């Protein structure tokens, strides 16, 4: 049982390292992680007494 938990722990660490590496190397392969740069305007009506 301890071997399975240890194996899953190593797999999670490896997955985390792969995810961090993908965020740094992804833009070289065409992955764009930047949010869309659109301006959004919305009218807000405040009610006063």
PDB file of N, CA and C in Angstrom:
ATOM      1  N   UNK A   1       0.820  -1.189   0.000  1.00  0.00           N
ATOM      2  CA  UNK A   1       0.000   0.000   0.000  1.00  0.00           C
ATOM      3  C   UNK A   1       0.870   1.262   0.000  1.00  0.00           C
ATOM      4  N   UNK A   2       1.953   1.226   0.777  1.00  0.00           N
ATOM      5  CA  UNK A   2       2.836   2.380   0.829  1.00  0.00           C
ATOM      6  C   UNK A   2       3.503   2.618  -0.524  1.00  0.00           C
ATOM      7  N   UNK A   3       3.797   1.529  -1.258  1.00  0.00           N
ATOM      8  CA  UNK A   3       4.398   1.664  -2.584  1.00  0.00           C
ATOM      9  C   UNK A   3       3.468   2.398  -3.538  1.00  0.00           C
ATOM     10  N   UNK A   4       2.184   2.117  -3.464  1.00  0.00           N
ATOM     11  CA  UNK A   4       1.206   2.775  -4.331  1.00  0.00           C
ATOM     12  C   UNK A   4       1.116   4.267  -4.012  1.00  0.00           C
ATOM     13  N   UNK A   5       1.084   4.605  -2.755  1.00  0.00           N
ATOM     14  CA  UNK A   5       1.020   6.017  -2.356  1.00  0.00           C
ATOM     15  C   UNK A   5       2.296   6.745  -2.792  1.00  0.00           C
ATOM     16  N   UNK A   6       3.438   6.104  -2.617  1.00  0.00           N
ATOM     17  CA  UNK A   6       4.704   6.697  -3.021  1.00  0.00           C
ATOM     18  C   UNK A   6       4.745   6.886  -4.540  1.00  0.00           C
ATOM     19  N   UNK A   7       4.246   5.921  -5.287  1.00  0.00           N
ATOM     20  CA  UNK A   7       4.209   6.008  -6.744  1.00  0.00           C
ATOM     21  C   UNK A   7       3.288   7.138  -7.190  1.00  0.00           C
ATOM     22  N   UNK A   8       2.130   7.280  -6.571  1.00  0.00           N
ATOM     23  CA  UNK A   8       1.209   8.363  -6.902  1.00  0.00           C
ATOM     24  C   UNK A   8       1.797   9.733  -6.543  1.00  0.00           C
ATOM     25  N   UNK A   9       2.529   9.803  -5.450  1.00  0.00           N
ATOM     26  CA  UNK A   9       3.191  11.044  -5.071  1.00  0.00           C
ATOM     27  C   UNK A   9       4.231  11.443  -6.115  1.00  0.00           C
ATOM     28  N   UNK A  10       5.050  10.497  -6.546  1.00  0.00           N
ATOM     29  CA  UNK A  10       6.045  10.785  -7.577  1.00  0.00           C
ATOM     30  C   UNK A  10       5.373  11.187  -8.890  1.00  0.00           C
ATOM     31  N   UNK A  11       4.283  10.558  -9.227  1.00  0.00           N
ATOM     32  CA  UNK A  11       3.548  10.887 -10.453  1.00  0.00           C
ATOM     33  C   UNK A  11       2.967  12.303 -10.370  1.00  0.00           C
ATOM     34  N   UNK A  12       2.460  12.699  -9.210  1.00  0.00           N
ATOM     35  CA  UNK A  12       1.926  14.049  -9.036  1.00  0.00           C
ATOM     36  C   UNK A  12       3.035  15.089  -9.152  1.00  0.00           C
ATOM     37  N   UNK A  13       4.194  14.823  -8.571  1.00  0.00           N
ATOM     38  CA  UNK A  13       5.332  15.743  -8.675  1.00  0.00           C
ATOM     39  C   UNK A  13       5.785  15.858 -10.126  1.00  0.00           C
ATOM     40  N   UNK A  14       5.854  14.752 -10.831  1.00  0.00           N
ATOM     41  CA  UNK A  14       6.247  14.765 -12.235  1.00  0.00           C
ATOM     42  C   UNK A  14       5.232  15.530 -13.079  1.00  0.00           C
ATOM     43  N   UNK A  15       3.953  15.352 -12.797  1.00  0.00           N
ATOM     44  CA  UNK A  15       2.910  16.087 -13.511  1.00  0.00           C
ATOM     45  C   UNK A  15       2.996  17.578 -13.263  1.00  0.00           C
ATOM     46  N   UNK A  16       3.296  17.978 -12.034  1.00  0.00           N
ATOM     47  CA  UNK A  16       3.438  19.395 -11.708  1.00  0.00           C
ATOM     48  C   UNK A  16       4.628  20.002 -12.454  1.00  0.00           C
ATOM     49  N   UNK A  17       5.736  19.288 -12.487  1.00  0.00           N
ATOM     50  CA  UNK A  17       6.920  19.772 -13.201  1.00  0.00           C
ATOM     51  C   UNK A  17       6.623  19.883 -14.698  1.00  0.00           C
ATOM     52  N   UNK A  18       5.897  18.925 -15.252  1.00  0.00           N
ATOM     53  CA  UNK A  18       5.547  18.967 -16.671  1.00  0.00           C
ATOM     54  C   UNK A  18       4.619  20.144 -16.967  1.00  0.00           C
ATOM     55  N   UNK A  19       3.691  20.437 -16.076  1.00  0.00           N
ATOM     56  CA  UNK A  19       2.778  21.563 -16.276  1.00  0.00           C
ATOM     57  C   UNK A  19       3.526  22.891 -16.234  1.00  0.00           C
ATOM     58  N   UNK A  20       4.449  23.039 -15.297  1.00  0.00           N
ATOM     59  CA  UNK A  20       5.246  24.262 -15.216  1.00  0.00           C
ATOM     60  C   UNK A  20       6.126  24.394 -16.462  1.00  0.00           C
ATOM     61  N   UNK A  21       6.714  23.315 -16.913  1.00  0.00           N
ATOM     62  CA  UNK A  21       7.547  23.365 -18.118  1.00  0.00           C
ATOM     63  C   UNK A  21       6.705  23.729 -19.338  1.00  0.00           C
ATOM     64  N   UNK A  22       5.487  23.241 -19.415  1.00  0.00           N
ATOM     65  CA  UNK A  22       4.614  23.552 -20.551  1.00  0.00           C
ATOM     66  C   UNK A  22       4.241  25.024 -20.576  1.00  0.00           C
ATOM     67  N   UNK A  23       4.060  25.641 -19.394  1.00  0.00           N
ATOM     68  CA  UNK A  23       3.725  27.060 -19.379  1.00  0.00           C
ATOM     69  C   UNK A  23       4.879  27.905 -19.891  1.00  0.00           C
ATOM     70  N   UNK A  24       6.103  27.478 -19.690  1.00  0.00           N
ATOM     71  CA  UNK A  24       7.243  28.233 -20.181  1.00  0.00           C
ATOM     72  C   UNK A  24       7.575  27.918 -21.636  1.00  0.00           C
ATOM     73  N   UNK A  25       7.398  26.677 -22.061  1.00  0.00           N
ATOM     74  CA  UNK A  25       7.780  26.260 -23.409  1.00  0.00           C
ATOM     75  C   UNK A  25       6.605  26.330 -24.378  1.00  0.00           C
ATOM     76  N   UNK A  26       5.383  26.365 -23.882  1.00  0.00           N
ATOM     77  CA  UNK A  26       4.187  26.362 -24.723  1.00  0.00           C
ATOM     78  C   UNK A  26       4.128  27.445 -25.776  1.00  0.00           C
ATOM     79  N   UNK A  27       4.462  28.707 -25.459  1.00  0.00           N
ATOM     80  CA  UNK A  27       4.399  29.747 -26.497  1.00  0.00           C
ATOM     81  C   UNK A  27       5.311  29.483 -27.704  1.00  0.00           C
ATOM     82  N   UNK A  28       6.386  28.728 -27.531  1.00  0.00           N
ATOM     83  CA  UNK A  28       7.247  28.398 -28.668  1.00  0.00           C
ATOM     84  C   UNK A  28       6.576  27.418 -29.619  1.00  0.00           C
ATOM     85  N   UNK A  29       5.582  26.670 -29.119  1.00  0.00           N
ATOM     86  CA  UNK A  29       4.865  25.697 -29.949  1.00  0.00           C
ATOM     87  C   UNK A  29       3.485  26.182 -30.369  1.00  0.00           C
ATOM     88  N   UNK A  30       3.183  27.457 -30.127  1.00  0.00           N
ATOM     89  CA  UNK A  30       1.924  28.027 -30.600  1.00  0.00           C
ATOM     90  C   UNK A  30       0.820  28.109 -29.566  1.00  0.00           C
ATOM     91  N   UNK A  31       1.069  27.750 -28.339  1.00  0.00           N
ATOM     92  CA  UNK A  31       0.049  27.856 -27.289  1.00  0.00           C
ATOM     93  C   UNK A  31       0.073  29.283 -26.737  1.00  0.00           C
ATOM     94  N   UNK A  32      -1.070  29.967 -26.787  1.00  0.00           N
ATOM     95  CA  UNK A  32      -1.160  31.346 -26.314  1.00  0.00           C
ATOM     96  C   UNK A  32      -1.981  31.370 -25.035  1.00  0.00           C
ATOM     97  N   UNK A  33      -1.367  31.761 -23.929  1.00  0.00           N
ATOM     98  CA  UNK A  33      -2.028  31.748 -22.633  1.00  0.00           C
ATOM     99  C   UNK A  33      -2.496  33.124 -22.196  1.00  0.00           C
ATOM    100  N   UNK A  34      -2.314  34.146 -23.035  1.00  0.00           N
ATOM    101  CA  UNK A  34      -2.697  35.494 -22.634  1.00  0.00           C
ATOM    102  C   UNK A  34      -4.214  35.671 -22.753  1.00  0.00           C
ATOM    103  N   UNK A  35      -4.814  36.433 -21.845  1.00  0.00           N
ATOM    104  CA  UNK A  35      -6.255  36.670 -21.908  1.00  0.00           C
ATOM    105  C   UNK A  35      -6.590  37.624 -23.054  1.00  0.00           C
ATOM    106  N   UNK A  36      -7.818  37.580 -23.544  1.00  0.00           N
ATOM    107  CA  UNK A  36      -8.204  38.512 -24.607  1.00  0.00           C
ATOM    108  C   UNK A  36      -8.185  39.957 -24.098  1.00  0.00           C
ATOM    109  N   UNK A  37      -7.697  40.861 -24.936  1.00  0.00           N
ATOM    110  CA  UNK A  37      -7.547  42.260 -24.546  1.00  0.00           C
ATOM    111  C   UNK A  37      -8.691  43.088 -25.130  1.00  0.00           C
ATOM    112  N   UNK A  38      -9.896  42.873 -24.653  1.00  0.00           N
ATOM    113  CA  UNK A  38     -11.068  43.624 -25.102  1.00  0.00           C
ATOM    114  C   UNK A  38     -11.557  44.514 -23.978  1.00  0.00           C
ATOM    115  N   UNK A  39     -11.934  45.734 -24.343  1.00  0.00           N
ATOM    116  CA  UNK A  39     -12.472  46.651 -23.345  1.00  0.00           C
ATOM    117  C   UNK A  39     -13.980  46.423 -23.241  1.00  0.00           C
ATOM    118  N   UNK A  40     -14.450  46.281 -22.025  1.00  0.00           N
ATOM    119  CA  UNK A  40     -15.877  46.049 -21.780  1.00  0.00           C
ATOM    120  C   UNK A  40     -16.402  47.213 -20.957  1.00  0.00           C
ATOM    121  N   UNK A  41     -17.432  47.864 -21.464  1.00  0.00           N
ATOM    122  CA  UNK A  41     -18.064  48.964 -20.734  1.00  0.00           C
ATOM    123  C   UNK A  41     -19.506  48.578 -20.449  1.00  0.00           C
ATOM    124  N   UNK A  42     -19.915  48.811 -19.216  1.00  0.00           N
ATOM    125  CA  UNK A  42     -21.274  48.481 -18.812  1.00  0.00           C
ATOM    126  C   UNK A  42     -21.789  49.608 -17.924  1.00  0.00           C
ATOM    127  N   UNK A  43     -22.988  50.088 -18.241  1.00  0.00           N
ATOM    128  CA  UNK A  43     -23.588  51.174 -17.486  1.00  0.00           C
ATOM    129  C   UNK A  43     -24.150  50.637 -16.168  1.00  0.00           C
ATOM    130  N   UNK A  44     -23.863  51.355 -15.098  1.00  0.00           N
ATOM    131  CA  UNK A  44     -24.352  50.960 -13.784  1.00  0.00           C
ATOM    132  C   UNK A  44     -25.226  52.092 -13.267  1.00  0.00           C
ATOM    133  N   UNK A  45     -26.455  51.789 -12.890  1.00  0.00           N
ATOM    134  CA  UNK A  45     -27.382  52.786 -12.366  1.00  0.00           C
ATOM    135  C   UNK A  45     -27.503  52.569 -10.859  1.00  0.00           C
ATOM    136  N   UNK A  46     -27.128  53.581 -10.091  1.00  0.00           N
ATOM    137  CA  UNK A  46     -27.208  53.508  -8.629  1.00  0.00           C
ATOM    138  C   UNK A  46     -28.484  54.195  -8.173  1.00  0.00           C
ATOM    139  N   UNK A  47     -29.226  53.502  -7.340  1.00  0.00           N
ATOM    140  CA  UNK A  47     -30.460  54.064  -6.802  1.00  0.00           C
ATOM    141  C   UNK A  47     -30.168  54.754  -5.490  1.00  0.00           C
ATOM    142  N   UNK A  48     -30.601  56.006  -5.373  1.00  0.00           N
ATOM    143  CA  UNK A  48     -30.410  56.746  -4.126  1.00  0.00           C
ATOM    144  C   UNK A  48     -31.756  57.123  -3.553  1.00  0.00           C
ATOM    145  N   UNK A  49     -31.827  57.252  -2.258  1.00  0.00           N
ATOM    146  CA  UNK A  49     -33.087  57.633  -1.593  1.00  0.00           C
ATOM    147  C   UNK A  49     -33.111  59.093  -1.292  1.00  0.00           C
TER     148      UNK A  49
END
